[in-house]
Structures are given as structure tokens and as C-alpha cells.
Amino acid sequence: MESSIITQVQKEGVQALPKTGQVSRSSLKQPRSCNIFKALFCCIQAQSPTKPATPLPPTSQQPLVETQENGTFVKESQVSLLPEVMAQDQGKICVVIDLDETLVHSSFKPISNADFIVPVEIEGTTHQVYVLKRPYVDEFLQRMGELFECVLFTASLSKYADPVTDLLDQCGIFRARLFRESCVFHQGCYVKDLSRLGRDLQKTLILDNSPSSYIFHPDNAVPVVSWFDDVDDVELLNLLPVFEELSQSDNIYTLLDQLRGH
């Protein structure tokens, strides 16, 4: 499958939009035919998640990354992806937050009600990316920034995701931004390996709509439903009480097990 800049499986194409130019709830159904734009969108394979790999040791040890040499996968030591914890975030849980279909939805199709229009250069030509913000995303990020050390982690390329995040996070909620090059490409998926962050895994969470993104650390995940254009969506609002409770936890695994009913 051809590589792309924006993260999500591109099997949902864009049907003709209503005459007003507004995104309809049924606008993402059929396969997208414009392969040139997949140079901008990153693909995560549409497959059932493989059996999770055994999580790597947290914090004190140097994180490891899977690379391929002569057809054999080996583990290499890597410098932590994140800088040292800032003074105001000492003692806080680290939350890794996805971008596309978690906080926003982006399209190359003109949308009259887009919250942002971001120019992105592809093969020497500038294209406009139309971005919709998920309902309650501003309130959600504001509260998350008060409770946690927040990190943006997307499998998109920075040429798209960085300017979108600049517009989305004007208050500086995200302490760091990680893009596709910080992912581990594993069995056709861009995986966000939390053991490479340099944070205690017992105090690290990931919010992502794609299970493939956290197959190395499923026990650290707070799943979120994918969002495209539903103006009545309240997912982020409903997640705030969950994160309020998690922010007080000394060990996120215990509390997440309770919340999952285990």
C-alpha cells in the first residue's frame, strides 16, 4: 500500500459533498482514487492487530527499537524520544495523544466549514488540506494540559501535522511533538512504541483511535472512537472524567483494569 502523510487507513474515500460544501456523515465510504494525495497520507494497514509484542522495559534502561539487518530483526539502543520532564510536569502521568481521527479530520476535498486550511507541498505543488476539529477538542486539550504531561504522537509526516498542531494547540498544551519518523514500522503498521519515550510505562497512557498504533502496549491504551464529521460527537467530553480519575493514579495498569471491568 502506497505511503501517505496523514495517518489513517485510506479505504474510506470521499463521495460527492453536499452542495453547501459541508462534510456529510456519509462522506467517507468508497475507496479514494487520487493516489497522488496518498503521498501526503500515511497508511496503517487495514488488518486485525497482530498479537502484541512483549513490552520493553520502562524508564531506566535505554529504549530499544526493532530494525532490519540482512533480513533479520535486531534490537538497537536509542536515545529517548522525549526530553527531560519539565518542572511543571514533575510527578504527572504522560499522555500520548494521536492527531488524525482522534482530535481532527483532514481532507483534500474543499470543505466550506473547515476550521483550518493548511497548505502542504507535494512533489513541488502546494495543495490545500481542509481540517475539521472534533467537537469539544479545545476544552479537552485545555483540561488535559492541566492534568498531564501531554505529547502529540502521530504517524503523519511533520510537513502536514506540525502546521495543523500549531493551529490546534495555540496554548502550548503539547510539551513535545513526535511524527512518523519516531514510529516503529512493524508488520506493515506505524507503531508508537511507548518504551522509547523515556517515561515510566506505569505512568504513561496513549489515546488513539487505531489499535494498530499501540499493539506493543495495549494495556496503556485508552481507546477512542474514530471521528470524521459528526457534529454531535461527545467522545472527548465523555473521556474527561476517565482521565480525571487516571491523573490521580500511581499505577495506570491497575486503574485501567478496573475501568475495563477486569
C-alpha atoms as a PDB file:
ATOM      1  CA  MET A   1       0.000   0.000   0.000  1.00  0.00           C
ATOM      2  CA  GLU A   2       1.385   3.368  -1.004  1.00  0.00           C
ATOM      3  CA  SER A   3       2.763   5.532   1.775  1.00  0.00           C
ATOM      4  CA  SER A   4       0.967   8.736   2.763  1.00  0.00           C
ATOM      5  CA  ILE A   5       1.231  11.760   5.098  1.00  0.00           C
ATOM      6  CA  ILE A   6      -1.952  11.653   7.130  1.00  0.00           C
ATOM      7  CA  THR A   7      -2.301   8.598   9.329  1.00  0.00           C
ATOM      8  CA  GLN A   8      -5.418   6.508   8.964  1.00  0.00           C
ATOM      9  CA  VAL A   9      -6.397   3.734   6.611  1.00  0.00           C
ATOM     10  CA  GLN A  10      -7.417   5.335   3.357  1.00  0.00           C
ATOM     11  CA  LYS A  11     -10.017   2.757   2.397  1.00  0.00           C
ATOM     12  CA  GLU A  12     -12.728   5.330   3.143  1.00  0.00           C
ATOM     13  CA  GLY A  13     -12.840   7.592   0.111  1.00  0.00           C
ATOM     14  CA  VAL A  14     -14.789  10.810  -0.271  1.00  0.00           C
ATOM     15  CA  GLN A  15     -18.130  10.822  -2.005  1.00  0.00           C
ATOM     16  CA  ALA A  16     -19.555  13.954  -3.577  1.00  0.00           C
ATOM     17  CA  LEU A  17     -20.169  16.526  -0.896  1.00  0.00           C
ATOM     18  CA  PRO A  18     -23.489  18.291  -0.434  1.00  0.00           C
ATOM     19  CA  LYS A  19     -23.913  21.450  -2.492  1.00  0.00           C
ATOM     20  CA  THR A  20     -23.182  23.586   0.549  1.00  0.00           C
ATOM     21  CA  GLY A  21     -19.685  22.134   0.751  1.00  0.00           C
ATOM     22  CA  GLN A  22     -20.357  20.819   4.244  1.00  0.00           C
ATOM     23  CA  VAL A  23     -18.994  17.414   5.170  1.00  0.00           C
ATOM     24  CA  SER A  24     -21.787  14.868   5.486  1.00  0.00           C
ATOM     25  CA  ARG A  25     -21.725  11.898   7.856  1.00  0.00           C
ATOM     26  CA  SER A  26     -21.719   9.523   4.901  1.00  0.00           C
ATOM     27  CA  SER A  27     -18.933  11.322   3.049  1.00  0.00           C
ATOM     28  CA  LEU A  28     -16.255   8.709   3.763  1.00  0.00           C
ATOM     29  CA  LYS A  29     -17.355   5.397   2.326  1.00  0.00           C
ATOM     30  CA  GLN A  30     -15.823   4.449  -1.030  1.00  0.00           C
ATOM     31  CA  PRO A  31     -12.151   3.850  -1.971  1.00  0.00           C
ATOM     32  CA  ARG A  32     -10.203   7.022  -2.750  1.00  0.00           C
ATOM     33  CA  SER A  33      -8.913   7.097  -6.326  1.00  0.00           C
ATOM     34  CA  CYS A  34      -6.480  10.049  -6.217  1.00  0.00           C
ATOM     35  CA  ASN A  35      -3.272   8.204  -5.401  1.00  0.00           C
ATOM     36  CA  ILE A  36      -1.139  11.337  -5.706  1.00  0.00           C
ATOM     37  CA  PHE A  37      -2.547  12.546  -2.425  1.00  0.00           C
ATOM     38  CA  LYS A  38      -1.530   9.356  -0.688  1.00  0.00           C
ATOM     39  CA  ALA A  39       1.944  10.814  -0.838  1.00  0.00           C
ATOM     40  CA  LEU A  40       0.575  13.060   1.893  1.00  0.00           C
ATOM     41  CA  PHE A  41      -1.319  10.443   3.879  1.00  0.00           C
ATOM     42  CA  CYS A  42       0.340   7.685   5.899  1.00  0.00           C
ATOM     43  CA  CYS A  43      -1.243   4.234   5.714  1.00  0.00           C
ATOM     44  CA  ILE A  44      -1.814   1.903   8.617  1.00  0.00           C
ATOM     45  CA  GLN A  45      -2.816  -1.430   7.181  1.00  0.00           C
ATOM     46  CA  ALA A  46      -6.475  -2.382   7.485  1.00  0.00           C
ATOM     47  CA  GLN A  47      -5.905  -5.669   9.221  1.00  0.00           C
ATOM     48  CA  SER A  48      -6.651  -7.248  12.544  1.00  0.00           C
ATOM     49  CA  PRO A  49      -3.972  -6.295  15.066  1.00  0.00           C
ATOM     50  CA  THR A  50      -1.286  -8.910  15.448  1.00  0.00           C
ATOM     51  CA  LYS A  51      -0.551 -10.448  18.814  1.00  0.00           C
ATOM     52  CA  PRO A  52       1.043  -7.685  20.892  1.00  0.00           C
ATOM     53  CA  ALA A  53       4.758  -7.871  21.327  1.00  0.00           C
ATOM     54  CA  THR A  54       6.102  -8.137  24.855  1.00  0.00           C
ATOM     55  CA  PRO A  55       6.519  -4.561  26.155  1.00  0.00           C
ATOM     56  CA  LEU A  56      10.095  -3.431  26.552  1.00  0.00           C
ATOM     57  CA  PRO A  57      11.468  -2.376  29.961  1.00  0.00           C
ATOM     58  CA  PRO A  58      10.444   1.143  31.068  1.00  0.00           C
ATOM     59  CA  THR A  59      12.405   4.230  32.024  1.00  0.00           C
ATOM     60  CA  SER A  60      15.823   3.445  33.446  1.00  0.00           C
ATOM     61  CA  GLN A  61      17.062   1.360  30.529  1.00  0.00           C
ATOM     62  CA  GLN A  62      17.713   2.801  27.098  1.00  0.00           C
ATOM     63  CA  PRO A  63      14.694   2.101  24.880  1.00  0.00           C
ATOM     64  CA  LEU A  64      15.085  -0.398  22.075  1.00  0.00           C
ATOM     65  CA  VAL A  65      13.865  -0.217  18.504  1.00  0.00           C
ATOM     66  CA  GLU A  66      13.341  -3.022  16.009  1.00  0.00           C
ATOM     67  CA  THR A  67      15.377  -2.634  12.821  1.00  0.00           C
ATOM     68  CA  GLN A  68      16.201  -4.987  10.000  1.00  0.00           C
ATOM     69  CA  GLU A  69      19.689  -6.093   9.014  1.00  0.00           C
ATOM     70  CA  ASN A  70      20.200  -8.673   6.283  1.00  0.00           C
ATOM     71  CA  GLY A  71      16.622  -9.817   6.644  1.00  0.00           C
ATOM     72  CA  THR A  72      16.915 -10.319  10.415  1.00  0.00           C
ATOM     73  CA  PHE A  73      15.247  -8.104  13.004  1.00  0.00           C
ATOM     74  CA  VAL A  74      17.578  -6.853  15.716  1.00  0.00           C
ATOM     75  CA  LYS A  75      17.222  -4.533  18.688  1.00  0.00           C
ATOM     76  CA  GLU A  76      19.167  -1.295  18.771  1.00  0.00           C
ATOM     77  CA  SER A  77      19.615   1.115  21.645  1.00  0.00           C
ATOM     78  CA  GLN A  78      18.078   4.511  21.042  1.00  0.00           C
ATOM     79  CA  VAL A  79      18.129   7.831  22.822  1.00  0.00           C
ATOM     80  CA  SER A  80      14.781   8.597  24.462  1.00  0.00           C
ATOM     81  CA  LEU A  81      12.364  10.316  22.133  1.00  0.00           C
ATOM     82  CA  LEU A  82      11.267  12.858  24.736  1.00  0.00           C
ATOM     83  CA  PRO A  83      13.340  15.478  26.539  1.00  0.00           C
ATOM     84  CA  GLU A  84      13.563  15.545  30.318  1.00  0.00           C
ATOM     85  CA  VAL A  85      10.306  16.249  32.129  1.00  0.00           C
ATOM     86  CA  MET A  86       9.691  19.968  32.618  1.00  0.00           C
ATOM     87  CA  ALA A  87       9.479  21.302  36.157  1.00  0.00           C
ATOM     88  CA  GLN A  88       5.734  21.975  35.958  1.00  0.00           C
ATOM     89  CA  ASP A  89       5.105  18.394  34.831  1.00  0.00           C
ATOM     90  CA  GLN A  90       7.086  16.618  37.528  1.00  0.00           C
ATOM     91  CA  GLY A  91       5.011  13.807  39.032  1.00  0.00           C
ATOM     92  CA  LYS A  92       2.393  13.927  36.270  1.00  0.00           C
ATOM     93  CA  ILE A  93       1.397  10.999  34.108  1.00  0.00           C
ATOM     94  CA  CYS A  94       2.481  11.284  30.474  1.00  0.00           C
ATOM     95  CA  VAL A  95      -0.342  11.041  27.918  1.00  0.00           C
ATOM     96  CA  VAL A  96       0.480  10.375  24.279  1.00  0.00           C
ATOM     97  CA  ILE A  97      -2.295  11.775  22.063  1.00  0.00           C
ATOM     98  CA  ASP A  98      -2.949  10.930  18.421  1.00  0.00           C
ATOM     99  CA  LEU A  99      -3.971  13.575  15.878  1.00  0.00           C
ATOM    100  CA  ASP A 100      -5.968  12.329  12.877  1.00  0.00           C
ATOM    101  CA  GLU A 101      -9.441  10.917  13.513  1.00  0.00           C
ATOM    102  CA  THR A 102      -8.755  11.405  17.253  1.00  0.00           C
ATOM    103  CA  LEU A 103      -8.605  15.214  17.507  1.00  0.00           C
ATOM    104  CA  VAL A 104      -9.212  16.311  13.906  1.00  0.00           C
ATOM    105  CA  HIS A 105     -10.170  15.026  10.485  1.00  0.00           C
ATOM    106  CA  SER A 106      -8.445  16.269   7.342  1.00  0.00           C
ATOM    107  CA  SER A 107      -9.373  16.120   3.685  1.00  0.00           C
ATOM    108  CA  PHE A 108      -8.161  17.372   0.316  1.00  0.00           C
ATOM    109  CA  LYS A 109     -11.787  17.888  -0.710  1.00  0.00           C
ATOM    110  CA  PRO A 110     -12.816  21.542  -0.258  1.00  0.00           C
ATOM    111  CA  ILE A 111     -14.975  21.947   2.847  1.00  0.00           C
ATOM    112  CA  SER A 112     -16.768  25.245   3.450  1.00  0.00           C
ATOM    113  CA  ASN A 113     -16.959  24.722   7.216  1.00  0.00           C
ATOM    114  CA  ALA A 114     -13.293  23.759   7.679  1.00  0.00           C
ATOM    115  CA  ASP A 115     -11.747  25.048  10.902  1.00  0.00           C
ATOM    116  CA  PHE A 116      -8.302  25.274   9.290  1.00  0.00           C
ATOM    117  CA  ILE A 117      -6.972  25.291   5.752  1.00  0.00           C
ATOM    118  CA  VAL A 118      -3.336  24.227   5.688  1.00  0.00           C
ATOM    119  CA  PRO A 119      -1.137  24.489   2.571  1.00  0.00           C
ATOM    120  CA  VAL A 120       1.070  21.432   2.088  1.00  0.00           C
ATOM    121  CA  GLU A 121       3.604  20.950  -0.699  1.00  0.00           C
ATOM    122  CA  ILE A 122       3.544  17.620  -2.549  1.00  0.00           C
ATOM    123  CA  GLU A 123       6.040  16.994  -5.338  1.00  0.00           C
ATOM    124  CA  GLY A 124       6.606  20.705  -5.858  1.00  0.00           C
ATOM    125  CA  THR A 125       2.916  21.631  -5.903  1.00  0.00           C
ATOM    126  CA  THR A 126       1.094  23.280  -2.985  1.00  0.00           C
ATOM    127  CA  HIS A 127      -2.217  21.668  -2.054  1.00  0.00           C
ATOM    128  CA  GLN A 128      -4.791  22.821   0.476  1.00  0.00           C
ATOM    129  CA  VAL A 129      -5.690  20.465   3.309  1.00  0.00           C
ATOM    130  CA  TYR A 130      -9.075  21.166   4.927  1.00  0.00           C
ATOM    131  CA  VAL A 131      -9.176  20.364   8.622  1.00  0.00           C
ATOM    132  CA  LEU A 132     -12.197  19.847  10.876  1.00  0.00           C
ATOM    133  CA  LYS A 133     -11.796  19.978  14.650  1.00  0.00           C
ATOM    134  CA  ARG A 134     -13.549  17.307  16.677  1.00  0.00           C
ATOM    135  CA  PRO A 135     -16.305  18.699  18.920  1.00  0.00           C
ATOM    136  CA  TYR A 136     -15.022  19.753  22.370  1.00  0.00           C
ATOM    137  CA  VAL A 137     -11.370  19.321  21.333  1.00  0.00           C
ATOM    138  CA  ASP A 138     -10.405  22.738  22.743  1.00  0.00           C
ATOM    139  CA  GLU A 139     -11.972  22.037  26.143  1.00  0.00           C
ATOM    140  CA  PHE A 140     -10.478  18.558  26.151  1.00  0.00           C
ATOM    141  CA  LEU A 141      -6.928  19.690  25.445  1.00  0.00           C
ATOM    142  CA  GLN A 142      -7.138  22.534  27.945  1.00  0.00           C
ATOM    143  CA  ARG A 143      -8.062  20.171  30.773  1.00  0.00           C
ATOM    144  CA  MET A 144      -5.598  17.504  29.672  1.00  0.00           C
ATOM    145  CA  GLY A 145      -2.805  20.070  29.794  1.00  0.00           C
ATOM    146  CA  GLU A 146      -3.705  20.852  33.398  1.00  0.00           C
ATOM    147  CA  LEU A 147      -3.725  17.193  34.436  1.00  0.00           C
ATOM    148  CA  PHE A 148      -0.935  15.559  32.424  1.00  0.00           C
ATOM    149  CA  GLU A 149       2.311  15.907  30.552  1.00  0.00           C
ATOM    150  CA  CYS A 150       0.792  15.844  27.053  1.00  0.00           C
ATOM    151  CA  VAL A 151       2.700  14.652  23.984  1.00  0.00           C
ATOM    152  CA  LEU A 152       1.411  14.668  20.412  1.00  0.00           C
ATOM    153  CA  PHE A 153       2.385  11.452  18.623  1.00  0.00           C
ATOM    154  CA  THR A 154       1.216  10.965  15.051  1.00  0.00           C
ATOM    155  CA  ALA A 155       2.284   8.683  12.212  1.00  0.00           C
ATOM    156  CA  SER A 156       1.777  11.605   9.850  1.00  0.00           C
ATOM    157  CA  LEU A 157       4.709  13.499   8.397  1.00  0.00           C
ATOM    158  CA  SER A 158       5.622  16.748  10.116  1.00  0.00           C
ATOM    159  CA  LYS A 159       5.074  18.809   6.928  1.00  0.00           C
ATOM    160  CA  TYR A 160       1.338  18.238   7.457  1.00  0.00           C
ATOM    161  CA  ALA A 161       0.984  17.559  11.185  1.00  0.00           C
ATOM    162  CA  ASP A 162       3.186  20.366  12.501  1.00  0.00           C
ATOM    163  CA  PRO A 163       1.216  23.291  10.986  1.00  0.00           C
ATOM    164  CA  VAL A 164      -2.078  21.619  11.920  1.00  0.00           C
ATOM    165  CA  THR A 165      -0.886  21.287  15.509  1.00  0.00           C
ATOM    166  CA  ASP A 166       0.294  24.914  15.518  1.00  0.00           C
ATOM    167  CA  LEU A 167      -3.295  25.954  14.771  1.00  0.00           C
ATOM    168  CA  LEU A 168      -4.905  23.421  17.068  1.00  0.00           C
ATOM    169  CA  ASP A 169      -2.665  23.943  20.101  1.00  0.00           C
ATOM    170  CA  GLN A 170      -2.147  27.674  20.361  1.00  0.00           C
ATOM    171  CA  CYS A 171      -1.887  27.436  24.168  1.00  0.00           C
ATOM    172  CA  GLY A 172       1.094  25.071  24.085  1.00  0.00           C
ATOM    173  CA  ILE A 173      -0.592  22.065  25.690  1.00  0.00           C
ATOM    174  CA  PHE A 174       1.748  19.618  23.950  1.00  0.00           C
ATOM    175  CA  ARG A 175       5.191  19.533  25.549  1.00  0.00           C
ATOM    176  CA  ALA A 176       6.618  17.646  22.567  1.00  0.00           C
ATOM    177  CA  ARG A 177       5.561  16.517  19.109  1.00  0.00           C
ATOM    178  CA  LEU A 178       6.526  13.187  17.574  1.00  0.00           C
ATOM    179  CA  PHE A 179       5.920  12.286  13.942  1.00  0.00           C
ATOM    180  CA  ARG A 180       6.230   9.308  11.625  1.00  0.00           C
ATOM    181  CA  GLU A 181       9.994   9.040  11.927  1.00  0.00           C
ATOM    182  CA  SER A 182       9.559   8.324  15.638  1.00  0.00           C
ATOM    183  CA  CYS A 183       7.315   5.318  14.945  1.00  0.00           C
ATOM    184  CA  VAL A 184       8.492   1.736  14.563  1.00  0.00           C
ATOM    185  CA  PHE A 185       7.426   0.229  11.232  1.00  0.00           C
ATOM    186  CA  HIS A 186       6.286  -3.236  12.295  1.00  0.00           C
ATOM    187  CA  GLN A 187       4.416  -5.735  10.101  1.00  0.00           C
ATOM    188  CA  GLY A 188       3.012  -3.035   7.845  1.00  0.00           C
ATOM    189  CA  CYS A 189       1.996  -0.666  10.647  1.00  0.00           C
ATOM    190  CA  TYR A 190       3.478   2.502  12.089  1.00  0.00           C
ATOM    191  CA  VAL A 191       3.563   1.614  15.783  1.00  0.00           C
ATOM    192  CA  LYS A 192       4.031   4.125  18.583  1.00  0.00           C
ATOM    193  CA  ASP A 193       6.461   2.306  20.865  1.00  0.00           C
ATOM    194  CA  LEU A 194       5.917   3.821  24.299  1.00  0.00           C
ATOM    195  CA  SER A 195       9.082   2.198  25.662  1.00  0.00           C
ATOM    196  CA  ARG A 196      11.124   4.624  23.535  1.00  0.00           C
ATOM    197  CA  LEU A 197       9.718   7.746  25.214  1.00  0.00           C
ATOM    198  CA  GLY A 198      11.944   7.678  28.278  1.00  0.00           C
ATOM    199  CA  ARG A 199       8.963   7.676  30.634  1.00  0.00           C
ATOM    200  CA  ASP A 200       7.818   5.146  33.248  1.00  0.00           C
ATOM    201  CA  LEU A 201       5.342   2.861  31.474  1.00  0.00           C
ATOM    202  CA  GLN A 202       3.332   2.586  34.704  1.00  0.00           C
ATOM    203  CA  LYS A 203       2.685   6.318  34.321  1.00  0.00           C
ATOM    204  CA  THR A 204       2.210   6.526  30.570  1.00  0.00           C
ATOM    205  CA  LEU A 205      -1.062   6.476  28.618  1.00  0.00           C
ATOM    206  CA  ILE A 206      -1.896   6.589  24.922  1.00  0.00           C
ATOM    207  CA  LEU A 207      -5.116   7.958  23.418  1.00  0.00           C
ATOM    208  CA  ASP A 208      -5.509   6.731  19.841  1.00  0.00           C
ATOM    209  CA  ASN A 209      -8.310   5.622  17.542  1.00  0.00           C
ATOM    210  CA  SER A 210      -6.157   2.946  15.860  1.00  0.00           C
ATOM    211  CA  PRO A 211      -5.350  -0.225  17.863  1.00  0.00           C
ATOM    212  CA  SER A 212      -2.508  -0.917  15.423  1.00  0.00           C
ATOM    213  CA  SER A 213      -0.751   2.160  16.772  1.00  0.00           C
ATOM    214  CA  TYR A 214      -0.368   0.709  20.268  1.00  0.00           C
ATOM    215  CA  ILE A 215      -0.057  -3.041  19.662  1.00  0.00           C
ATOM    216  CA  PHE A 216       3.199  -3.058  21.659  1.00  0.00           C
ATOM    217  CA  HIS A 217       1.452  -1.616  24.739  1.00  0.00           C
ATOM    218  CA  PRO A 218      -2.308  -2.312  24.610  1.00  0.00           C
ATOM    219  CA  ASP A 219      -2.553  -2.171  28.407  1.00  0.00           C
ATOM    220  CA  ASN A 220      -1.551   1.508  28.325  1.00  0.00           C
ATOM    221  CA  ALA A 221      -4.271   2.491  25.875  1.00  0.00           C
ATOM    222  CA  VAL A 222      -7.425   4.498  26.305  1.00  0.00           C
ATOM    223  CA  PRO A 223      -9.264   3.725  23.036  1.00  0.00           C
ATOM    224  CA  VAL A 224     -11.240   6.444  21.300  1.00  0.00           C
ATOM    225  CA  VAL A 225     -13.798   6.099  18.513  1.00  0.00           C
ATOM    226  CA  SER A 226     -12.629   7.386  15.118  1.00  0.00           C
ATOM    227  CA  TRP A 227     -14.112  10.745  14.188  1.00  0.00           C
ATOM    228  CA  PHE A 228     -14.729  12.152  10.726  1.00  0.00           C
ATOM    229  CA  ASP A 229     -17.503  14.755  10.727  1.00  0.00           C
ATOM    230  CA  ASP A 230     -20.229  14.044  13.313  1.00  0.00           C
ATOM    231  CA  VAL A 231     -21.113  17.440  14.786  1.00  0.00           C
ATOM    232  CA  ASP A 232     -22.974  15.730  17.644  1.00  0.00           C
ATOM    233  CA  ASP A 233     -19.967  13.699  18.775  1.00  0.00           C
ATOM    234  CA  VAL A 234     -19.276  13.906  22.535  1.00  0.00           C
ATOM    235  CA  GLU A 235     -16.486  11.336  22.812  1.00  0.00           C
ATOM    236  CA  LEU A 236     -13.830  13.740  24.073  1.00  0.00           C
ATOM    237  CA  LEU A 237     -16.218  15.264  26.580  1.00  0.00           C
ATOM    238  CA  ASN A 238     -17.136  11.812  27.891  1.00  0.00           C
ATOM    239  CA  LEU A 239     -13.485  10.837  28.244  1.00  0.00           C
ATOM    240  CA  LEU A 240     -12.629  13.713  30.575  1.00  0.00           C
ATOM    241  CA  PRO A 241     -13.968  12.039  33.768  1.00  0.00           C
ATOM    242  CA  VAL A 242     -11.928   8.944  32.889  1.00  0.00           C
ATOM    243  CA  PHE A 243      -8.763  10.984  32.564  1.00  0.00           C
ATOM    244  CA  GLU A 244      -9.575  12.953  35.709  1.00  0.00           C
ATOM    245  CA  GLU A 245      -9.517   9.653  37.592  1.00  0.00           C
ATOM    246  CA  LEU A 246      -6.440   8.344  35.803  1.00  0.00           C
ATOM    247  CA  SER A 247      -4.496  11.502  36.620  1.00  0.00           C
ATOM    248  CA  GLN A 248      -4.558  10.555  40.307  1.00  0.00           C
ATOM    249  CA  SER A 249      -3.296   7.013  39.764  1.00  0.00           C
ATOM    250  CA  ASP A 250       0.134   5.782  40.877  1.00  0.00           C
ATOM    251  CA  ASN A 251      -0.131   2.784  38.537  1.00  0.00           C
ATOM    252  CA  ILE A 252      -2.293   3.213  35.448  1.00  0.00           C
ATOM    253  CA  TYR A 253      -2.490  -0.544  34.800  1.00  0.00           C
ATOM    254  CA  THR A 254      -4.475  -1.212  37.965  1.00  0.00           C
ATOM    255  CA  LEU A 255      -6.987   1.550  37.340  1.00  0.00           C
ATOM    256  CA  LEU A 256      -7.386   0.779  33.623  1.00  0.00           C
ATOM    257  CA  ASP A 257      -8.099  -2.853  34.509  1.00  0.00           C
ATOM    258  CA  GLN A 258     -10.814  -1.682  36.891  1.00  0.00           C
ATOM    259  CA  LEU A 259     -12.284   0.640  34.281  1.00  0.00           C
ATOM    260  CA  ARG A 260     -12.303  -2.188  31.756  1.00  0.00           C
ATOM    261  CA  GLY A 261     -14.101  -4.410  34.259  1.00  0.00           C
ATOM    262  CA  HIS A 262     -11.246  -6.936  34.597  1.00  0.00           C
END
